[in-house]
Amino acid sequence: YMAENERLQETLSGKGNGKKKALTDG
């Protein structure tokens, strides 16, 4: 769960795999 949490936080901050992704509001 901690690994998943870190991965989701990286995704939310736009740091996942070193690429910034545009996320929709939903």
PDB file of all heavy atoms in Angstrom:
ATOM      1  N   TYR A   1       0.816  -1.210   0.000  1.00  0.00           N
ATOM      2  CA  TYR A   1       0.000   0.000   0.000  1.00  0.00           C
ATOM      3  C   TYR A   1       0.851   1.261   0.000  1.00  0.00           C
ATOM      4  O   TYR A   1       0.504   2.273  -0.631  1.00  0.00           O
ATOM      5  CB  TYR A   1      -0.943   0.008   1.206  1.00  0.00           C
ATOM      6  CG  TYR A   1      -2.058  -0.995   1.112  1.00  0.00           C
ATOM      7  CD1 TYR A   1      -2.433  -1.771   2.203  1.00  0.00           C
ATOM      8  CD2 TYR A   1      -2.743  -1.180  -0.093  1.00  0.00           C
ATOM      9  CE1 TYR A   1      -3.452  -2.700   2.109  1.00  0.00           C
ATOM     10  CE2 TYR A   1      -3.764  -2.106  -0.197  1.00  0.00           C
ATOM     11  CZ  TYR A   1      -4.115  -2.865   0.900  1.00  0.00           C
ATOM     12  OH  TYR A   1      -5.120  -3.783   0.804  1.00  0.00           O
ATOM     13  N   MET A   2       1.977   1.220   0.686  1.00  0.00           N
ATOM     14  CA  MET A   2       2.865   2.393   0.683  1.00  0.00           C
ATOM     15  C   MET A   2       3.463   2.633  -0.698  1.00  0.00           C
ATOM     16  O   MET A   2       3.575   3.775  -1.151  1.00  0.00           O
ATOM     17  CB  MET A   2       3.987   2.189   1.715  1.00  0.00           C
ATOM     18  CG  MET A   2       3.515   2.350   3.157  1.00  0.00           C
ATOM     19  SD  MET A   2       4.775   1.957   4.368  1.00  0.00           S
ATOM     20  CE  MET A   2       5.864   3.344   4.153  1.00  0.00           C
ATOM     21  N   ALA A   3       3.827   1.549  -1.399  1.00  0.00           N
ATOM     22  CA  ALA A   3       4.363   1.708  -2.755  1.00  0.00           C
ATOM     23  C   ALA A   3       3.304   2.283  -3.697  1.00  0.00           C
ATOM     24  O   ALA A   3       3.598   3.173  -4.511  1.00  0.00           O
ATOM     25  CB  ALA A   3       4.864   0.362  -3.267  1.00  0.00           C
ATOM     26  N   GLU A   4       2.064   1.790  -3.558  1.00  0.00           N
ATOM     27  CA  GLU A   4       0.988   2.314  -4.396  1.00  0.00           C
ATOM     28  C   GLU A   4       0.712   3.781  -4.072  1.00  0.00           C
ATOM     29  O   GLU A   4       0.452   4.592  -4.963  1.00  0.00           O
ATOM     30  CB  GLU A   4      -0.275   1.478  -4.186  1.00  0.00           C
ATOM     31  CG  GLU A   4      -0.207   0.101  -4.829  1.00  0.00           C
ATOM     32  CD  GLU A   4      -1.500  -0.665  -4.657  1.00  0.00           C
ATOM     33  OE1 GLU A   4      -2.470  -0.086  -4.118  1.00  0.00           O
ATOM     34  OE2 GLU A   4      -1.535  -1.841  -5.063  1.00  0.00           O
ATOM     35  N   ASN A   5       0.771   4.118  -2.794  1.00  0.00           N
ATOM     36  CA  ASN A   5       0.540   5.498  -2.387  1.00  0.00           C
ATOM     37  C   ASN A   5       1.595   6.435  -2.981  1.00  0.00           C
ATOM     38  O   ASN A   5       1.275   7.521  -3.488  1.00  0.00           O
ATOM     39  CB  ASN A   5       0.553   5.565  -0.849  1.00  0.00           C
ATOM     40  CG  ASN A   5       0.140   6.929  -0.346  1.00  0.00           C
ATOM     41  OD1 ASN A   5      -0.508   7.695  -1.059  1.00  0.00           O
ATOM     42  ND2 ASN A   5       0.523   7.246   0.878  1.00  0.00           N
ATOM     43  N   GLU A   6       2.868   6.010  -2.913  1.00  0.00           N
ATOM     44  CA  GLU A   6       3.936   6.829  -3.487  1.00  0.00           C
ATOM     45  C   GLU A   6       3.763   7.000  -4.999  1.00  0.00           C
ATOM     46  O   GLU A   6       3.964   8.085  -5.553  1.00  0.00           O
ATOM     47  CB  GLU A   6       5.296   6.191  -3.177  1.00  0.00           C
ATOM     48  CG  GLU A   6       5.716   6.333  -1.718  1.00  0.00           C
ATOM     49  CD  GLU A   6       7.019   5.632  -1.426  1.00  0.00           C
ATOM     50  OE1 GLU A   6       7.604   5.058  -2.390  1.00  0.00           O
ATOM     51  OE2 GLU A   6       7.448   5.635  -0.269  1.00  0.00           O
ATOM     52  N   ARG A   7       3.382   5.893  -5.652  1.00  0.00           N
ATOM     53  CA  ARG A   7       3.185   5.975  -7.103  1.00  0.00           C
ATOM     54  C   ARG A   7       2.054   6.926  -7.466  1.00  0.00           C
ATOM     55  O   ARG A   7       2.157   7.714  -8.410  1.00  0.00           O
ATOM     56  CB  ARG A   7       2.913   4.570  -7.645  1.00  0.00           C
ATOM     57  CG  ARG A   7       2.978   4.498  -9.169  1.00  0.00           C
ATOM     58  CD  ARG A   7       2.937   3.078  -9.690  1.00  0.00           C
ATOM     59  NE  ARG A   7       1.681   2.436  -9.400  1.00  0.00           N
ATOM     60  CZ  ARG A   7       1.535   1.407  -8.567  1.00  0.00           C
ATOM     61  NH1 ARG A   7       2.583   0.937  -7.915  1.00  0.00           N
ATOM     62  NH2 ARG A   7       0.367   0.852  -8.343  1.00  0.00           N
ATOM     63  N   LEU A   8       0.962   6.874  -6.692  1.00  0.00           N
ATOM     64  CA  LEU A   8      -0.159   7.773  -6.960  1.00  0.00           C
ATOM     65  C   LEU A   8       0.204   9.235  -6.672  1.00  0.00           C
ATOM     66  O   LEU A   8      -0.212  10.148  -7.398  1.00  0.00           O
ATOM     67  CB  LEU A   8      -1.368   7.362  -6.115  1.00  0.00           C
ATOM     68  CG  LEU A   8      -2.112   6.105  -6.602  1.00  0.00           C
ATOM     69  CD1 LEU A   8      -3.135   5.686  -5.579  1.00  0.00           C
ATOM     70  CD2 LEU A   8      -2.795   6.375  -7.941  1.00  0.00           C
ATOM     71  N   GLN A   9       0.982   9.453  -5.620  1.00  0.00           N
ATOM     72  CA  GLN A   9       1.402  10.823  -5.327  1.00  0.00           C
ATOM     73  C   GLN A   9       2.301  11.381  -6.426  1.00  0.00           C
ATOM     74  O   GLN A   9       2.196  12.551  -6.803  1.00  0.00           O
ATOM     75  CB  GLN A   9       2.125  10.862  -3.975  1.00  0.00           C
ATOM     76  CG  GLN A   9       1.181  10.793  -2.788  1.00  0.00           C
ATOM     77  CD  GLN A   9       1.927  10.849  -1.463  1.00  0.00           C
ATOM     78  OE1 GLN A   9       3.146  10.790  -1.448  1.00  0.00           O
ATOM     79  NE2 GLN A   9       1.177  10.931  -0.372  1.00  0.00           N
ATOM     80  N   GLU A  10       3.194  10.504  -6.946  1.00  0.00           N
ATOM     81  CA  GLU A  10       4.041  10.946  -8.060  1.00  0.00           C
ATOM     82  C   GLU A  10       3.195  11.258  -9.291  1.00  0.00           C
ATOM     83  O   GLU A  10       3.454  12.215 -10.020  1.00  0.00           O
ATOM     84  CB  GLU A  10       5.074   9.869  -8.393  1.00  0.00           C
ATOM     85  CG  GLU A  10       6.199   9.761  -7.367  1.00  0.00           C
ATOM     86  CD  GLU A  10       7.169   8.631  -7.697  1.00  0.00           C
ATOM     87  OE1 GLU A  10       6.946   7.950  -8.722  1.00  0.00           O
ATOM     88  OE2 GLU A  10       8.125   8.445  -6.927  1.00  0.00           O
ATOM     89  N   THR A  11       2.173  10.448  -9.506  1.00  0.00           N
ATOM     90  CA  THR A  11       1.292  10.690 -10.662  1.00  0.00           C
ATOM     91  C   THR A  11       0.544  12.012 -10.496  1.00  0.00           C
ATOM     92  O   THR A  11       0.386  12.783 -11.449  1.00  0.00           O
ATOM     93  CB  THR A  11       0.296   9.530 -10.805  1.00  0.00           C
ATOM     94  OG1 THR A  11       1.018   8.308 -10.864  1.00  0.00           O
ATOM     95  CG2 THR A  11      -0.537   9.669 -12.065  1.00  0.00           C
ATOM     96  N   LEU A  12       0.055  12.271  -9.255  1.00  0.00           N
ATOM     97  CA  LEU A  12      -0.674  13.513  -9.014  1.00  0.00           C
ATOM     98  C   LEU A  12       0.222  14.739  -9.175  1.00  0.00           C
ATOM     99  O   LEU A  12      -0.211  15.790  -9.652  1.00  0.00           O
ATOM    100  CB  LEU A  12      -1.276  13.507  -7.604  1.00  0.00           C
ATOM    101  CG  LEU A  12      -2.535  12.662  -7.436  1.00  0.00           C
ATOM    102  CD1 LEU A  12      -2.933  12.605  -5.970  1.00  0.00           C
ATOM    103  CD2 LEU A  12      -3.679  13.227  -8.267  1.00  0.00           C
ATOM    104  N   SER A  13       1.473  14.655  -8.775  1.00  0.00           N
ATOM    105  CA  SER A  13       2.370  15.806  -8.885  1.00  0.00           C
ATOM    106  C   SER A  13       2.990  15.927 -10.269  1.00  0.00           C
ATOM    107  O   SER A  13       3.780  16.822 -10.522  1.00  0.00           O
ATOM    108  CB  SER A  13       3.471  15.698  -7.830  1.00  0.00           C
ATOM    109  OG  SER A  13       4.216  14.521  -8.039  1.00  0.00           O
ATOM    110  N   GLY A  14       2.686  14.991 -11.166  1.00  0.00           N
ATOM    111  CA  GLY A  14       3.167  15.084 -12.539  1.00  0.00           C
ATOM    112  C   GLY A  14       4.581  14.599 -12.725  1.00  0.00           C
ATOM    113  O   GLY A  14       5.230  14.955 -13.704  1.00  0.00           O
ATOM    114  N   LYS A  15       5.106  13.739 -11.782  1.00  0.00           N
ATOM    115  CA  LYS A  15       6.480  13.262 -11.887  1.00  0.00           C
ATOM    116  C   LYS A  15       6.570  11.802 -12.299  1.00  0.00           C
ATOM    117  O   LYS A  15       7.651  11.222 -12.259  1.00  0.00           O
ATOM    118  CB  LYS A  15       7.184  13.427 -10.541  1.00  0.00           C
ATOM    119  CG  LYS A  15       7.354  14.867 -10.125  1.00  0.00           C
ATOM    120  CD  LYS A  15       8.028  14.946  -8.787  1.00  0.00           C
ATOM    121  CE  LYS A  15       8.178  16.395  -8.349  1.00  0.00           C
ATOM    122  NZ  LYS A  15       8.782  16.507  -7.019  1.00  0.00           N
ATOM    123  N   GLY A  16       5.482  11.214 -12.641  1.00  0.00           N
ATOM    124  CA  GLY A  16       5.512   9.798 -13.009  1.00  0.00           C
ATOM    125  C   GLY A  16       6.288   9.562 -14.269  1.00  0.00           C
ATOM    126  O   GLY A  16       5.947  10.101 -15.334  1.00  0.00           O
ATOM    127  N   ASN A  17       7.363   8.712 -14.151  1.00  0.00           N
ATOM    128  CA  ASN A  17       8.246   8.340 -15.267  1.00  0.00           C
ATOM    129  C   ASN A  17       8.911   9.552 -15.919  1.00  0.00           C
ATOM    130  O   ASN A  17       9.260   9.536 -17.102  1.00  0.00           O
ATOM    131  CB  ASN A  17       7.487   7.547 -16.336  1.00  0.00           C
ATOM    132  CG  ASN A  17       7.038   6.204 -15.806  1.00  0.00           C
ATOM    133  OD1 ASN A  17       7.723   5.593 -15.000  1.00  0.00           O
ATOM    134  ND2 ASN A  17       5.879   5.758 -16.246  1.00  0.00           N
ATOM    135  N   GLY A  18       9.027  10.642 -15.191  1.00  0.00           N
ATOM    136  CA  GLY A  18       9.738  11.822 -15.695  1.00  0.00           C
ATOM    137  C   GLY A  18       8.970  12.636 -16.714  1.00  0.00           C
ATOM    138  O   GLY A  18       9.517  13.517 -17.358  1.00  0.00           O
ATOM    139  N   LYS A  19       7.694  12.342 -16.908  1.00  0.00           N
ATOM    140  CA  LYS A  19       6.895  13.070 -17.911  1.00  0.00           C
ATOM    141  C   LYS A  19       5.738  13.751 -17.218  1.00  0.00           C
ATOM    142  O   LYS A  19       5.119  13.187 -16.328  1.00  0.00           O
ATOM    143  CB  LYS A  19       6.337  12.098 -18.955  1.00  0.00           C
ATOM    144  CG  LYS A  19       7.422  11.406 -19.766  1.00  0.00           C
ATOM    145  CD  LYS A  19       6.791  10.436 -20.735  1.00  0.00           C
ATOM    146  CE  LYS A  19       7.834   9.696 -21.544  1.00  0.00           C
ATOM    147  NZ  LYS A  19       7.251   8.722 -22.452  1.00  0.00           N
ATOM    148  N   LYS A  20       5.421  14.943 -17.629  1.00  0.00           N
ATOM    149  CA  LYS A  20       4.273  15.666 -17.089  1.00  0.00           C
ATOM    150  C   LYS A  20       3.055  15.331 -17.932  1.00  0.00           C
ATOM    151  O   LYS A  20       3.086  15.458 -19.144  1.00  0.00           O
ATOM    152  CB  LYS A  20       4.536  17.170 -17.130  1.00  0.00           C
ATOM    153  CG  LYS A  20       5.620  17.604 -16.161  1.00  0.00           C
ATOM    154  CD  LYS A  20       5.743  19.095 -16.144  1.00  0.00           C
ATOM    155  CE  LYS A  20       6.788  19.535 -15.133  1.00  0.00           C
ATOM    156  NZ  LYS A  20       6.945  20.966 -15.071  1.00  0.00           N
ATOM    157  N   LYS A  21       2.006  14.878 -17.216  1.00  0.00           N
ATOM    158  CA  LYS A  21       0.788  14.474 -17.927  1.00  0.00           C
ATOM    159  C   LYS A  21      -0.342  15.408 -17.540  1.00  0.00           C
ATOM    160  O   LYS A  21      -0.494  15.767 -16.368  1.00  0.00           O
ATOM    161  CB  LYS A  21       0.418  13.035 -17.558  1.00  0.00           C
ATOM    162  CG  LYS A  21       1.500  12.034 -17.957  1.00  0.00           C
ATOM    163  CD  LYS A  21       1.107  10.639 -17.561  1.00  0.00           C
ATOM    164  CE  LYS A  21       2.180   9.637 -17.953  1.00  0.00           C
ATOM    165  NZ  LYS A  21       1.872   8.285 -17.573  1.00  0.00           N
ATOM    166  N   ALA A  22      -1.121  15.766 -18.531  1.00  0.00           N
ATOM    167  CA  ALA A  22      -2.283  16.626 -18.272  1.00  0.00           C
ATOM    168  C   ALA A  22      -3.444  15.735 -17.861  1.00  0.00           C
ATOM    169  O   ALA A  22      -3.813  14.803 -18.571  1.00  0.00           O
ATOM    170  CB  ALA A  22      -2.649  17.397 -19.540  1.00  0.00           C
ATOM    171  N   LEU A  23      -3.953  15.991 -16.680  1.00  0.00           N
ATOM    172  CA  LEU A  23      -5.047  15.177 -16.155  1.00  0.00           C
ATOM    173  C   LEU A  23      -6.337  15.987 -16.171  1.00  0.00           C
ATOM    174  O   LEU A  23      -6.344  17.176 -15.851  1.00  0.00           O
ATOM    175  CB  LEU A  23      -4.736  14.750 -14.714  1.00  0.00           C
ATOM    176  CG  LEU A  23      -3.499  13.852 -14.520  1.00  0.00           C
ATOM    177  CD1 LEU A  23      -3.247  13.666 -13.044  1.00  0.00           C
ATOM    178  CD2 LEU A  23      -3.710  12.521 -15.193  1.00  0.00           C
ATOM    179  N   THR A  24      -7.380  15.355 -16.504  1.00  0.00           N
ATOM    180  CA  THR A  24      -8.693  16.015 -16.456  1.00  0.00           C
ATOM    181  C   THR A  24      -9.152  16.095 -15.008  1.00  0.00           C
ATOM    182  O   THR A  24      -8.630  15.398 -14.138  1.00  0.00           O
ATOM    183  CB  THR A  24      -9.716  15.202 -17.281  1.00  0.00           C
ATOM    184  OG1 THR A  24      -9.814  13.902 -16.704  1.00  0.00           O
ATOM    185  CG2 THR A  24      -9.291  15.085 -18.725  1.00  0.00           C
ATOM    186  N   ASP A  25     -10.158  16.945 -14.771  1.00  0.00           N
ATOM    187  CA  ASP A  25     -10.660  17.124 -13.410  1.00  0.00           C
ATOM    188  C   ASP A  25     -11.263  15.833 -12.857  1.00  0.00           C
ATOM    189  O   ASP A  25     -11.080  15.501 -11.685  1.00  0.00           O
ATOM    190  CB  ASP A  25     -11.729  18.240 -13.391  1.00  0.00           C
ATOM    191  CG  ASP A  25     -11.099  19.600 -13.648  1.00  0.00           C
ATOM    192  OD1 ASP A  25      -9.865  19.703 -13.466  1.00  0.00           O
ATOM    193  OD2 ASP A  25     -11.833  20.521 -14.021  1.00  0.00           O
ATOM    194  N   GLY A  26     -11.972  15.097 -13.687  1.00  0.00           N
ATOM    195  CA  GLY A  26     -12.594  13.844 -13.235  1.00  0.00           C
ATOM    196  C   GLY A  26     -11.559  12.814 -12.818  1.00  0.00           C
ATOM    197  O   GLY A  26     -11.703  12.147 -11.781  1.00  0.00           O
TER     198      GLY A  26
END
